[in-house]
Each structure stands twice: as structure tokens, then as C-alpha cells.
């Protein structure tokens, strides 16, 4: 039986949390005390959440790639699964961010585009 998309997304989120903490540990060569201090500080300034969000998106991309490459699902099943993934909050936030970046770029350079 194929795993539910929400289960796979939760696994991607969980793995991203673990990876983010491992990345902080790596910064301090495994010194947990120093890593916890940095995490605490970066949680306060929002940097930890941005780093975690980035790792979650990376894992979601990997999940989509895995689905696209599997031979265990039909094309239609793959497209349905990926469409469901695209509805998750992290993906929706990313799409809005990309759309705003493009819109701001277009407004800034509209003279070039409208020639």
C-alpha cells in the first residue's frame, strides 16, 4: 500500500528538523552546549525558522523527485500525489514568495518588459 501524502510530508518535516539540528551541531563540531546556545539565539531572531523552512522545502523537492522517478505508480497517480503536495502550507508559502519576487521585479523593470 502506498503511504499517504500527509504521512510523507510529515516525515519530510521531521527529517528537516533533525537535519537542521545536525547542521547546528556540525557548526560546533558536535558540541551540543554551544549548538543549543546558537539555536536558542537564532530562534529568537527568526534565523532558525528560516533555516528549518529551507530544509523542509528541500525535503519536499526530494519527495516530489522520488515520486516522479518511482515505477510503483502510474503517471496519473504521480500527478495526483504531486498536486496534493503542492497544496501543503510550505509549498503554498513558497509559491507566494516566488510570485511576489517576480511581481516586484516586474514592477521595478516594467519599462524594459513593456518595450
PDB file of N, CA and C in Angstrom:
ATOM      1  N   UNK A   1       0.831  -1.196   0.000  1.00  0.00           N
ATOM      2  CA  UNK A   1       0.000   0.000   0.000  1.00  0.00           C
ATOM      3  C   UNK A   1       0.870   1.253   0.000  1.00  0.00           C
ATOM      4  N   UNK A   2       0.483   2.219  -0.805  1.00  0.00           N
ATOM      5  CA  UNK A   2       1.233   3.468  -0.905  1.00  0.00           C
ATOM      6  C   UNK A   2       0.947   4.322   0.334  1.00  0.00           C
ATOM      7  N   UNK A   3       2.004   4.946   0.861  1.00  0.00           N
ATOM      8  CA  UNK A   3       1.835   5.808   2.039  1.00  0.00           C
ATOM      9  C   UNK A   3       1.005   7.035   1.671  1.00  0.00           C
ATOM     10  N   UNK A   4       0.274   7.544   2.622  1.00  0.00           N
ATOM     11  CA  UNK A   4      -0.496   8.766   2.411  1.00  0.00           C
ATOM     12  C   UNK A   4       0.458   9.950   2.260  1.00  0.00           C
ATOM     13  N   UNK A   5       0.076  10.899   1.404  1.00  0.00           N
ATOM     14  CA  UNK A   5       0.909  12.075   1.144  1.00  0.00           C
ATOM     15  C   UNK A   5       1.174  12.847   2.434  1.00  0.00           C
ATOM     16  N   UNK A   6       0.150  13.013   3.275  1.00  0.00           N
ATOM     17  CA  UNK A   6       0.338  13.757   4.535  1.00  0.00           C
ATOM     18  C   UNK A   6       1.388  13.077   5.412  1.00  0.00           C
ATOM     19  N   UNK A   7       1.403  11.747   5.421  1.00  0.00           N
ATOM     20  CA  UNK A   7       2.408  10.992   6.178  1.00  0.00           C
ATOM     21  C   UNK A   7       3.803  11.273   5.625  1.00  0.00           C
ATOM     22  N   UNK A   8       3.918  11.278   4.290  1.00  0.00           N
ATOM     23  CA  UNK A   8       5.212  11.559   3.661  1.00  0.00           C
ATOM     24  C   UNK A   8       5.662  12.996   3.933  1.00  0.00           C
ATOM     25  N   UNK A   9       4.716  13.933   3.902  1.00  0.00           N
ATOM     26  CA  UNK A   9       5.049  15.332   4.209  1.00  0.00           C
ATOM     27  C   UNK A   9       5.498  15.477   5.664  1.00  0.00           C
ATOM     28  N   UNK A  10       4.811  14.800   6.565  1.00  0.00           N
ATOM     29  CA  UNK A  10       5.209  14.858   7.986  1.00  0.00           C
ATOM     30  C   UNK A  10       6.599  14.273   8.189  1.00  0.00           C
ATOM     31  N   UNK A  11       6.896  13.208   7.460  1.00  0.00           N
ATOM     32  CA  UNK A  11       8.235  12.600   7.530  1.00  0.00           C
ATOM     33  C   UNK A  11       9.286  13.580   6.993  1.00  0.00           C
ATOM     34  N   UNK A  12       8.962  14.274   5.914  1.00  0.00           N
ATOM     35  CA  UNK A  12       9.871  15.283   5.344  1.00  0.00           C
ATOM     36  C   UNK A  12      10.114  16.408   6.353  1.00  0.00           C
ATOM     37  N   UNK A  13       9.056  16.834   7.035  1.00  0.00           N
ATOM     38  CA  UNK A  13       9.186  17.902   8.049  1.00  0.00           C
ATOM     39  C   UNK A  13      10.041  17.438   9.220  1.00  0.00           C
ATOM     40  N   UNK A  14       9.774  16.218   9.690  1.00  0.00           N
ATOM     41  CA  UNK A  14      10.513  15.652  10.821  1.00  0.00           C
ATOM     42  C   UNK A  14      12.000  15.516  10.482  1.00  0.00           C
ATOM     43  N   UNK A  15      12.282  14.981   9.291  1.00  0.00           N
ATOM     44  CA  UNK A  15      13.679  14.829   8.859  1.00  0.00           C
ATOM     45  C   UNK A  15      14.366  16.180   8.738  1.00  0.00           C
ATOM     46  N   UNK A  16      13.622  17.203   8.322  1.00  0.00           N
ATOM     47  CA  UNK A  16      14.198  18.546   8.201  1.00  0.00           C
ATOM     48  C   UNK A  16      14.572  19.088   9.580  1.00  0.00           C
ATOM     49  N   UNK A  17      13.725  18.827  10.580  1.00  0.00           N
ATOM     50  CA  UNK A  17      14.034  19.275  11.952  1.00  0.00           C
ATOM     51  C   UNK A  17      15.320  18.618  12.433  1.00  0.00           C
ATOM     52  N   UNK A  18      15.409  17.295  12.228  1.00  0.00           N
ATOM     53  CA  UNK A  18      16.608  16.563  12.649  1.00  0.00           C
ATOM     54  C   UNK A  18      17.839  17.101  11.925  1.00  0.00           C
ATOM     55  N   UNK A  19      17.715  17.304  10.604  1.00  0.00           N
ATOM     56  CA  UNK A  19      18.838  17.783   9.799  1.00  0.00           C
ATOM     57  C   UNK A  19      19.273  19.176  10.234  1.00  0.00           C
ATOM     58  N   UNK A  20      18.316  20.026  10.559  1.00  0.00           N
ATOM     59  CA  UNK A  20      18.635  21.387  10.980  1.00  0.00           C
ATOM     60  C   UNK A  20      19.448  21.364  12.272  1.00  0.00           C
ATOM     61  N   UNK A  21      19.030  20.553  13.224  1.00  0.00           N
ATOM     62  CA  UNK A  21      19.775  20.434  14.480  1.00  0.00           C
ATOM     63  C   UNK A  21      21.162  19.856  14.211  1.00  0.00           C
ATOM     64  N   UNK A  22      21.249  18.849  13.335  1.00  0.00           N
ATOM     65  CA  UNK A  22      22.564  18.274  12.989  1.00  0.00           C
ATOM     66  C   UNK A  22      23.470  19.321  12.332  1.00  0.00           C
ATOM     67  N   UNK A  23      22.876  20.188  11.514  1.00  0.00           N
ATOM     68  CA  UNK A  23      23.659  21.248  10.874  1.00  0.00           C
ATOM     69  C   UNK A  23      24.239  22.205  11.918  1.00  0.00           C
ATOM     70  N   UNK A  24      23.438  22.545  12.923  1.00  0.00           N
ATOM     71  CA  UNK A  24      23.936  23.415  14.002  1.00  0.00           C
ATOM     72  C   UNK A  24      25.021  22.702  14.803  1.00  0.00           C
ATOM     73  N   UNK A  25      24.829  21.413  15.064  1.00  0.00           N
ATOM     74  CA  UNK A  25      25.857  20.634  15.769  1.00  0.00           C
ATOM     75  C   UNK A  25      27.151  20.614  14.966  1.00  0.00           C
ATOM     76  N   UNK A  26      27.011  20.504  13.655  1.00  0.00           N
ATOM     77  CA  UNK A  26      28.171  20.481  12.762  1.00  0.00           C
ATOM     78  C   UNK A  26      28.981  21.778  12.856  1.00  0.00           C
ATOM     79  N   UNK A  27      28.276  22.892  13.006  1.00  0.00           N
ATOM     80  CA  UNK A  27      28.950  24.196  13.117  1.00  0.00           C
ATOM     81  C   UNK A  27      29.917  24.186  14.305  1.00  0.00           C
ATOM     82  N   UNK A  28      29.517  23.533  15.382  1.00  0.00           N
ATOM     83  CA  UNK A  28      30.337  23.481  16.596  1.00  0.00           C
ATOM     84  C   UNK A  28      30.995  22.122  16.803  1.00  0.00           C
ATOM     85  N   UNK A  29      31.273  21.419  15.719  1.00  0.00           N
ATOM     86  CA  UNK A  29      31.964  20.129  15.773  1.00  0.00           C
ATOM     87  C   UNK A  29      31.371  19.185  16.818  1.00  0.00           C
ATOM     88  N   UNK A  30      30.025  19.160  16.894  1.00  0.00           N
ATOM     89  CA  UNK A  30      29.359  18.219  17.786  1.00  0.00           C
ATOM     90  C   UNK A  30      29.177  18.697  19.218  1.00  0.00           C
ATOM     91  N   UNK A  31      29.629  19.924  19.531  1.00  0.00           N
ATOM     92  CA  UNK A  31      29.464  20.445  20.892  1.00  0.00           C
ATOM     93  C   UNK A  31      28.001  20.855  21.104  1.00  0.00           C
ATOM     94  N   UNK A  32      27.256  19.994  21.822  1.00  0.00           N
ATOM     95  CA  UNK A  32      25.811  20.212  21.997  1.00  0.00           C
ATOM     96  C   UNK A  32      25.498  21.505  22.746  1.00  0.00           C
ATOM     97  N   UNK A  33      26.297  21.823  23.751  1.00  0.00           N
ATOM     98  CA  UNK A  33      26.045  23.020  24.560  1.00  0.00           C
ATOM     99  C   UNK A  33      26.127  24.274  23.685  1.00  0.00           C
ATOM    100  N   UNK A  34      27.182  24.364  22.909  1.00  0.00           N
ATOM    101  CA  UNK A  34      27.359  25.528  22.021  1.00  0.00           C
ATOM    102  C   UNK A  34      26.254  25.574  20.963  1.00  0.00           C
ATOM    103  N   UNK A  35      25.924  24.417  20.401  1.00  0.00           N
ATOM    104  CA  UNK A  35      24.893  24.350  19.362  1.00  0.00           C
ATOM    105  C   UNK A  35      23.543  24.790  19.927  1.00  0.00           C
ATOM    106  N   UNK A  36      23.204  24.337  21.139  1.00  0.00           N
ATOM    107  CA  UNK A  36      21.936  24.725  21.766  1.00  0.00           C
ATOM    108  C   UNK A  36      21.878  26.224  22.016  1.00  0.00           C
ATOM    109  N   UNK A  37      22.997  26.810  22.411  1.00  0.00           N
ATOM    110  CA  UNK A  37      23.044  28.262  22.625  1.00  0.00           C
ATOM    111  C   UNK A  37      22.771  29.013  21.320  1.00  0.00           C
ATOM    112  N   UNK A  38      23.418  28.556  20.244  1.00  0.00           N
ATOM    113  CA  UNK A  38      23.225  29.202  18.938  1.00  0.00           C
ATOM    114  C   UNK A  38      21.780  29.023  18.464  1.00  0.00           C
ATOM    115  N   UNK A  39      21.239  27.815  18.630  1.00  0.00           N
ATOM    116  CA  UNK A  39      19.850  27.557  18.235  1.00  0.00           C
ATOM    117  C   UNK A  39      18.916  28.489  19.006  1.00  0.00           C
ATOM    118  N   UNK A  40      19.135  28.624  20.315  1.00  0.00           N
ATOM    119  CA  UNK A  40      18.290  29.489  21.148  1.00  0.00           C
ATOM    120  C   UNK A  40      18.335  30.921  20.622  1.00  0.00           C
ATOM    121  N   UNK A  41      19.525  31.396  20.358  1.00  0.00           N
ATOM    122  CA  UNK A  41      19.719  32.754  19.858  1.00  0.00           C
ATOM    123  C   UNK A  41      19.054  32.923  18.485  1.00  0.00           C
ATOM    124  N   UNK A  42      19.242  31.954  17.611  1.00  0.00           N
ATOM    125  CA  UNK A  42      18.714  32.060  16.250  1.00  0.00           C
ATOM    126  C   UNK A  42      17.203  31.834  16.200  1.00  0.00           C
ATOM    127  N   UNK A  43      16.653  31.153  17.208  1.00  0.00           N
ATOM    128  CA  UNK A  43      15.191  31.045  17.295  1.00  0.00           C
ATOM    129  C   UNK A  43      14.601  32.416  17.623  1.00  0.00           C
ATOM    130  N   UNK A  44      15.308  33.158  18.470  1.00  0.00           N
ATOM    131  CA  UNK A  44      14.841  34.489  18.866  1.00  0.00           C
ATOM    132  C   UNK A  44      14.830  35.459  17.691  1.00  0.00           C
ATOM    133  N   UNK A  45      15.840  35.387  16.824  1.00  0.00           N
ATOM    134  CA  UNK A  45      15.903  36.341  15.703  1.00  0.00           C
ATOM    135  C   UNK A  45      15.265  35.808  14.417  1.00  0.00           C
ATOM    136  N   UNK A  46      14.692  34.603  14.486  1.00  0.00           N
ATOM    137  CA  UNK A  46      13.972  34.060  13.337  1.00  0.00           C
ATOM    138  C   UNK A  46      14.833  33.315  12.327  1.00  0.00           C
ATOM    139  N   UNK A  47      16.134  33.313  12.537  1.00  0.00           N
ATOM    140  CA  UNK A  47      17.043  32.657  11.589  1.00  0.00           C
ATOM    141  C   UNK A  47      16.860  31.141  11.592  1.00  0.00           C
ATOM    142  N   UNK A  48      16.654  30.564  12.774  1.00  0.00           N
ATOM    143  CA  UNK A  48      16.453  29.113  12.876  1.00  0.00           C
ATOM    144  C   UNK A  48      15.249  28.683  12.037  1.00  0.00           C
ATOM    145  N   UNK A  49      14.143  29.421  12.156  1.00  0.00           N
ATOM    146  CA  UNK A  49      12.924  29.071  11.413  1.00  0.00           C
ATOM    147  C   UNK A  49      13.142  29.172   9.904  1.00  0.00           C
ATOM    148  N   UNK A  50      13.888  30.171   9.456  1.00  0.00           N
ATOM    149  CA  UNK A  50      14.180  30.293   8.017  1.00  0.00           C
ATOM    150  C   UNK A  50      15.028  29.117   7.525  1.00  0.00           C
ATOM    151  N   UNK A  51      15.989  28.724   8.338  1.00  0.00           N
ATOM    152  CA  UNK A  51      16.859  27.589   8.012  1.00  0.00           C
ATOM    153  C   UNK A  51      16.035  26.301   7.961  1.00  0.00           C
ATOM    154  N   UNK A  52      15.170  26.115   8.970  1.00  0.00           N
ATOM    155  CA  UNK A  52      14.299  24.936   9.027  1.00  0.00           C
ATOM    156  C   UNK A  52      13.361  24.909   7.819  1.00  0.00           C
ATOM    157  N   UNK A  53      12.764  26.047   7.516  1.00  0.00           N
ATOM    158  CA  UNK A  53      11.848  26.160   6.372  1.00  0.00           C
ATOM    159  C   UNK A  53      12.556  25.757   5.074  1.00  0.00           C
ATOM    160  N   UNK A  54      13.774  26.207   4.923  1.00  0.00           N
ATOM    161  CA  UNK A  54      14.573  25.870   3.743  1.00  0.00           C
ATOM    162  C   UNK A  54      14.817  24.362   3.661  1.00  0.00           C
ATOM    163  N   UNK A  55      15.142  23.749   4.794  1.00  0.00           N
ATOM    164  CA  UNK A  55      15.359  22.295   4.826  1.00  0.00           C
ATOM    165  C   UNK A  55      14.070  21.534   4.532  1.00  0.00           C
ATOM    166  N   UNK A  56      12.932  22.047   5.017  1.00  0.00           N
ATOM    167  CA  UNK A  56      11.643  21.393   4.738  1.00  0.00           C
ATOM    168  C   UNK A  56      11.369  21.433   3.239  1.00  0.00           C
ATOM    169  N   UNK A  57      11.557  22.599   2.623  1.00  0.00           N
ATOM    170  CA  UNK A  57      11.330  22.734   1.175  1.00  0.00           C
ATOM    171  C   UNK A  57      12.272  21.804   0.400  1.00  0.00           C
ATOM    172  N   UNK A  58      13.531  21.732   0.828  1.00  0.00           N
ATOM    173  CA  UNK A  58      14.468  20.803   0.180  1.00  0.00           C
ATOM    174  C   UNK A  58      13.940  19.372   0.241  1.00  0.00           C
ATOM    175  N   UNK A  59      13.417  18.970   1.399  1.00  0.00           N
ATOM    176  CA  UNK A  59      12.886  17.612   1.551  1.00  0.00           C
ATOM    177  C   UNK A  59      11.624  17.398   0.719  1.00  0.00           C
ATOM    178  N   UNK A  60      10.816  18.432   0.588  1.00  0.00           N
ATOM    179  CA  UNK A  60       9.614  18.321  -0.246  1.00  0.00           C
ATOM    180  C   UNK A  60      10.019  18.163  -1.716  1.00  0.00           C
ATOM    181  N   UNK A  61      11.035  18.906  -2.155  1.00  0.00           N
ATOM    182  CA  UNK A  61      11.557  18.733  -3.518  1.00  0.00           C
ATOM    183  C   UNK A  61      12.035  17.299  -3.726  1.00  0.00           C
ATOM    184  N   UNK A  62      12.756  16.760  -2.731  1.00  0.00           N
ATOM    185  CA  UNK A  62      13.249  15.374  -2.827  1.00  0.00           C
ATOM    186  C   UNK A  62      12.079  14.392  -2.920  1.00  0.00           C
ATOM    187  N   UNK A  63      11.035  14.646  -2.145  1.00  0.00           N
ATOM    188  CA  UNK A  63       9.841  13.798  -2.167  1.00  0.00           C
ATOM    189  C   UNK A  63       9.206  13.820  -3.555  1.00  0.00           C
ATOM    190  N   UNK A  64       9.069  15.001  -4.137  1.00  0.00           N
ATOM    191  CA  UNK A  64       8.494  15.125  -5.481  1.00  0.00           C
ATOM    192  C   UNK A  64       9.360  14.385  -6.499  1.00  0.00           C
ATOM    193  N   UNK A  65      10.690  14.554  -6.395  1.00  0.00           N
ATOM    194  CA  UNK A  65      11.610  13.860  -7.311  1.00  0.00           C
ATOM    195  C   UNK A  65      11.469  12.346  -7.177  1.00  0.00           C
ATOM    196  N   UNK A  66      11.360  11.877  -5.941  1.00  0.00           N
ATOM    197  CA  UNK A  66      11.202  10.437  -5.698  1.00  0.00           C
ATOM    198  C   UNK A  66       9.920   9.928  -6.339  1.00  0.00           C
ATOM    199  N   UNK A  67       8.834  10.676  -6.165  1.00  0.00           N
ATOM    200  CA  UNK A  67       7.553  10.276  -6.763  1.00  0.00           C
ATOM    201  C   UNK A  67       7.666  10.253  -8.281  1.00  0.00           C
ATOM    202  N   UNK A  68       8.275  11.290  -8.854  1.00  0.00           N
ATOM    203  CA  UNK A  68       8.421  11.346 -10.321  1.00  0.00           C
ATOM    204  C   UNK A  68       9.230  10.156 -10.860  1.00  0.00           C
ATOM    205  N   UNK A  69      10.198   9.678 -10.077  1.00  0.00           N
ATOM    206  CA  UNK A  69      11.101   8.617 -10.539  1.00  0.00           C
ATOM    207  C   UNK A  69      10.647   7.204 -10.187  1.00  0.00           C
ATOM    208  N   UNK A  70       9.584   7.081  -9.410  1.00  0.00           N
ATOM    209  CA  UNK A  70       9.170   5.732  -8.989  1.00  0.00           C
ATOM    210  C   UNK A  70       8.476   4.990 -10.129  1.00  0.00           C
ATOM    211  N   UNK A  71       8.658   3.688 -10.121  1.00  0.00           N
ATOM    212  CA  UNK A  71       7.955   2.858 -11.101  1.00  0.00           C
ATOM    213  C   UNK A  71       6.745   2.187 -10.442  1.00  0.00           C
ATOM    214  N   UNK A  72       6.514   2.514  -9.178  1.00  0.00           N
ATOM    215  CA  UNK A  72       5.430   1.883  -8.419  1.00  0.00           C
ATOM    216  C   UNK A  72       4.086   2.577  -8.612  1.00  0.00           C
ATOM    217  N   UNK A  73       4.093   3.709  -9.319  1.00  0.00           N
ATOM    218  CA  UNK A  73       2.855   4.468  -9.513  1.00  0.00           C
ATOM    219  C   UNK A  73       2.665   4.764 -10.987  1.00  0.00           C
ATOM    220  N   UNK A  74       1.402   4.876 -11.393  1.00  0.00           N
ATOM    221  CA  UNK A  74       1.114   5.280 -12.771  1.00  0.00           C
ATOM    222  C   UNK A  74       1.346   6.787 -12.898  1.00  0.00           C
ATOM    223  N   UNK A  75       1.394   7.278 -14.128  1.00  0.00           N
ATOM    224  CA  UNK A  75       1.573   8.709 -14.379  1.00  0.00           C
ATOM    225  C   UNK A  75       0.487   9.510 -13.661  1.00  0.00           C
ATOM    226  N   UNK A  76      -0.755   9.052 -13.753  1.00  0.00           N
ATOM    227  CA  UNK A  76      -1.890   9.751 -13.130  1.00  0.00           C
ATOM    228  C   UNK A  76      -1.742   9.786 -11.610  1.00  0.00           C
ATOM    229  N   UNK A  77      -1.336   8.664 -11.032  1.00  0.00           N
ATOM    230  CA  UNK A  77      -1.132   8.611  -9.574  1.00  0.00           C
ATOM    231  C   UNK A  77      -0.029   9.583  -9.144  1.00  0.00           C
ATOM    232  N   UNK A  78       1.040   9.635  -9.932  1.00  0.00           N
ATOM    233  CA  UNK A  78       2.137  10.565  -9.637  1.00  0.00           C
ATOM    234  C   UNK A  78       1.644  12.004  -9.674  1.00  0.00           C
ATOM    235  N   UNK A  79       0.911  12.354 -10.735  1.00  0.00           N
ATOM    236  CA  UNK A  79       0.413  13.727 -10.881  1.00  0.00           C
ATOM    237  C   UNK A  79      -0.546  14.093  -9.751  1.00  0.00           C
ATOM    238  N   UNK A  80      -1.388  13.157  -9.342  1.00  0.00           N
ATOM    239  CA  UNK A  80      -2.329  13.383  -8.242  1.00  0.00           C
ATOM    240  C   UNK A  80      -1.565  13.607  -6.937  1.00  0.00           C
ATOM    241  N   UNK A  81      -0.569  12.774  -6.686  1.00  0.00           N
ATOM    242  CA  UNK A  81       0.233  12.886  -5.456  1.00  0.00           C
ATOM    243  C   UNK A  81       0.973  14.222  -5.421  1.00  0.00           C
ATOM    244  N   UNK A  82       1.573  14.600  -6.537  1.00  0.00           N
ATOM    245  CA  UNK A  82       2.334  15.859  -6.596  1.00  0.00           C
ATOM    246  C   UNK A  82       1.399  17.059  -6.440  1.00  0.00           C
ATOM    247  N   UNK A  83       0.216  16.983  -7.024  1.00  0.00           N
ATOM    248  CA  UNK A  83      -0.770  18.061  -6.862  1.00  0.00           C
ATOM    249  C   UNK A  83      -1.151  18.208  -5.385  1.00  0.00           C
ATOM    250  N   UNK A  84      -1.268  17.086  -4.698  1.00  0.00           N
ATOM    251  CA  UNK A  84      -1.598  17.115  -3.268  1.00  0.00           C
ATOM    252  C   UNK A  84      -0.458  17.754  -2.468  1.00  0.00           C
ATOM    253  N   UNK A  85       0.771  17.422  -2.836  1.00  0.00           N
ATOM    254  CA  UNK A  85       1.939  18.017  -2.179  1.00  0.00           C
ATOM    255  C   UNK A  85       1.943  19.532  -2.385  1.00  0.00           C
ATOM    256  N   UNK A  86       1.597  19.952  -3.590  1.00  0.00           N
ATOM    257  CA  UNK A  86       1.583  21.386  -3.897  1.00  0.00           C
ATOM    258  C   UNK A  86       0.563  22.158  -3.063  1.00  0.00           C
ATOM    259  N   UNK A  87      -0.363  21.458  -2.416  1.00  0.00           N
ATOM    260  CA  UNK A  87      -1.350  22.113  -1.548  1.00  0.00           C
ATOM    261  C   UNK A  87      -0.875  22.282  -0.110  1.00  0.00           C
ATOM    262  N   UNK A  88       0.295  21.732   0.237  1.00  0.00           N
ATOM    263  CA  UNK A  88       0.763  21.845   1.621  1.00  0.00           C
ATOM    264  C   UNK A  88       1.156  23.304   1.920  1.00  0.00           C
ATOM    265  N   UNK A  89       1.074  23.710   3.186  1.00  0.00           N
ATOM    266  CA  UNK A  89       1.328  25.111   3.551  1.00  0.00           C
ATOM    267  C   UNK A  89       2.718  25.618   3.153  1.00  0.00           C
ATOM    268  N   UNK A  90       3.735  24.771   3.293  1.00  0.00           N
ATOM    269  CA  UNK A  90       5.099  25.209   2.954  1.00  0.00           C
ATOM    270  C   UNK A  90       5.214  25.529   1.465  1.00  0.00           C
ATOM    271  N   UNK A  91       4.601  24.682   0.629  1.00  0.00           N
ATOM    272  CA  UNK A  91       4.666  24.888  -0.826  1.00  0.00           C
ATOM    273  C   UNK A  91       3.880  26.148  -1.212  1.00  0.00           C
ATOM    274  N   UNK A  92       2.707  26.325  -0.581  1.00  0.00           N
ATOM    275  CA  UNK A  92       1.885  27.496  -0.871  1.00  0.00           C
ATOM    276  C   UNK A  92       2.628  28.779  -0.508  1.00  0.00           C
ATOM    277  N   UNK A  93       3.308  28.759   0.627  1.00  0.00           N
ATOM    278  CA  UNK A  93       4.085  29.936   1.070  1.00  0.00           C
ATOM    279  C   UNK A  93       5.217  30.220   0.077  1.00  0.00           C
ATOM    280  N   UNK A  94       5.873  29.154  -0.372  1.00  0.00           N
ATOM    281  CA  UNK A  94       6.958  29.303  -1.344  1.00  0.00           C
ATOM    282  C   UNK A  94       6.439  29.898  -2.650  1.00  0.00           C
ATOM    283  N   UNK A  95       5.292  29.409  -3.124  1.00  0.00           N
ATOM    284  CA  UNK A  95       4.715  29.930  -4.366  1.00  0.00           C
ATOM    285  C   UNK A  95       4.382  31.418  -4.244  1.00  0.00           C
ATOM    286  N   UNK A  96       3.826  31.816  -3.101  1.00  0.00           N
ATOM    287  CA  UNK A  96       3.508  33.234  -2.875  1.00  0.00           C
ATOM    288  C   UNK A  96       4.776  34.077  -2.877  1.00  0.00           C
ATOM    289  N   UNK A  97       5.817  33.547  -2.233  1.00  0.00           N
ATOM    290  CA  UNK A  97       7.099  34.268  -2.151  1.00  0.00           C
ATOM    291  C   UNK A  97       7.688  34.459  -3.558  1.00  0.00           C
ATOM    292  N   UNK A  98       7.665  33.405  -4.358  1.00  0.00           N
ATOM    293  CA  UNK A  98       8.186  33.482  -5.727  1.00  0.00           C
ATOM    294  C   UNK A  98       7.348  34.456  -6.555  1.00  0.00           C
ATOM    295  N   UNK A  99       6.029  34.394  -6.407  1.00  0.00           N
ATOM    296  CA  UNK A  99       5.141  35.288  -7.154  1.00  0.00           C
ATOM    297  C   UNK A  99       5.402  36.749  -6.777  1.00  0.00           C
ATOM    298  N   UNK A 100       5.586  37.006  -5.488  1.00  0.00           N
ATOM    299  CA  UNK A 100       5.853  38.382  -5.035  1.00  0.00           C
ATOM    300  C   UNK A 100       7.210  38.865  -5.542  1.00  0.00           C
ATOM    301  N   UNK A 101       8.194  37.979  -5.530  1.00  0.00           N
ATOM    302  CA  UNK A 101       9.523  38.340  -6.038  1.00  0.00           C
ATOM    303  C   UNK A 101       9.427  38.714  -7.511  1.00  0.00           C
ATOM    304  N   UNK A 102       8.711  37.901  -8.288  1.00  0.00           N
ATOM    305  CA  UNK A 102       8.552  38.190  -9.714  1.00  0.00           C
ATOM    306  C   UNK A 102       7.775  39.485  -9.918  1.00  0.00           C
ATOM    307  N   UNK A 103       6.677  39.659  -9.162  1.00  0.00           N
ATOM    308  CA  UNK A 103       5.858  40.872  -9.304  1.00  0.00           C
ATOM    309  C   UNK A 103       6.678  42.113  -8.984  1.00  0.00           C
ATOM    310  N   UNK A 104       7.448  42.072  -7.918  1.00  0.00           N
ATOM    311  CA  UNK A 104       8.297  43.218  -7.552  1.00  0.00           C
ATOM    312  C   UNK A 104       9.348  43.492  -8.626  1.00  0.00           C
ATOM    313  N   UNK A 105       9.919  42.432  -9.158  1.00  0.00           N
ATOM    314  CA  UNK A 105      10.905  42.561 -10.230  1.00  0.00           C
ATOM    315  C   UNK A 105      10.264  43.190 -11.464  1.00  0.00           C
ATOM    316  N   UNK A 106       9.060  42.705 -11.820  1.00  0.00           N
ATOM    317  CA  UNK A 106       8.360  43.213 -12.992  1.00  0.00           C
ATOM    318  C   UNK A 106       8.046  44.698 -12.823  1.00  0.00           C
ATOM    319  N   UNK A 107       7.544  45.082 -11.639  1.00  0.00           N
ATOM    320  CA  UNK A 107       7.214  46.487 -11.379  1.00  0.00           C
ATOM    321  C   UNK A 107       8.478  47.345 -11.490  1.00  0.00           C
ATOM    322  N   UNK A 108       9.552  46.865 -10.931  1.00  0.00           N
ATOM    323  CA  UNK A 108      10.814  47.616 -10.932  1.00  0.00           C
ATOM    324  C   UNK A 108      11.351  47.804 -12.352  1.00  0.00           C
ATOM    325  N   UNK A 109      11.190  46.784 -13.193  1.00  0.00           N
ATOM    326  CA  UNK A 109      11.763  46.812 -14.549  1.00  0.00           C
ATOM    327  C   UNK A 109      10.685  46.830 -15.638  1.00  0.00           C
ATOM    328  N   UNK A 110       9.489  47.350 -15.311  1.00  0.00           N
ATOM    329  CA  UNK A 110       8.368  47.302 -16.274  1.00  0.00           C
ATOM    330  C   UNK A 110       8.696  47.992 -17.582  1.00  0.00           C
ATOM    331  N   UNK A 111       9.490  49.060 -17.530  1.00  0.00           N
ATOM    332  CA  UNK A 111       9.856  49.770 -18.763  1.00  0.00           C
ATOM    333  C   UNK A 111      10.600  48.867 -19.736  1.00  0.00           C
ATOM    334  N   UNK A 112      11.462  48.017 -19.210  1.00  0.00           N
ATOM    335  CA  UNK A 112      12.229  47.083 -20.039  1.00  0.00           C
ATOM    336  C   UNK A 112      11.279  46.044 -20.652  1.00  0.00           C
ATOM    337  N   UNK A 113      10.347  45.515 -19.824  1.00  0.00           N
ATOM    338  CA  UNK A 113       9.432  44.469 -20.295  1.00  0.00           C
ATOM    339  C   UNK A 113       8.380  44.993 -21.261  1.00  0.00           C
ATOM    340  N   UNK A 114       8.000  46.254 -21.106  1.00  0.00           N
ATOM    341  CA  UNK A 114       6.907  46.785 -21.914  1.00  0.00           C
ATOM    342  C   UNK A 114       7.377  47.479 -23.183  1.00  0.00           C
ATOM    343  N   UNK A 115       8.659  47.379 -23.509  1.00  0.00           N
ATOM    344  CA  UNK A 115       9.181  47.986 -24.750  1.00  0.00           C
ATOM    345  C   UNK A 115       8.623  47.280 -25.957  1.00  0.00           C
TER     346      UNK A 115
END
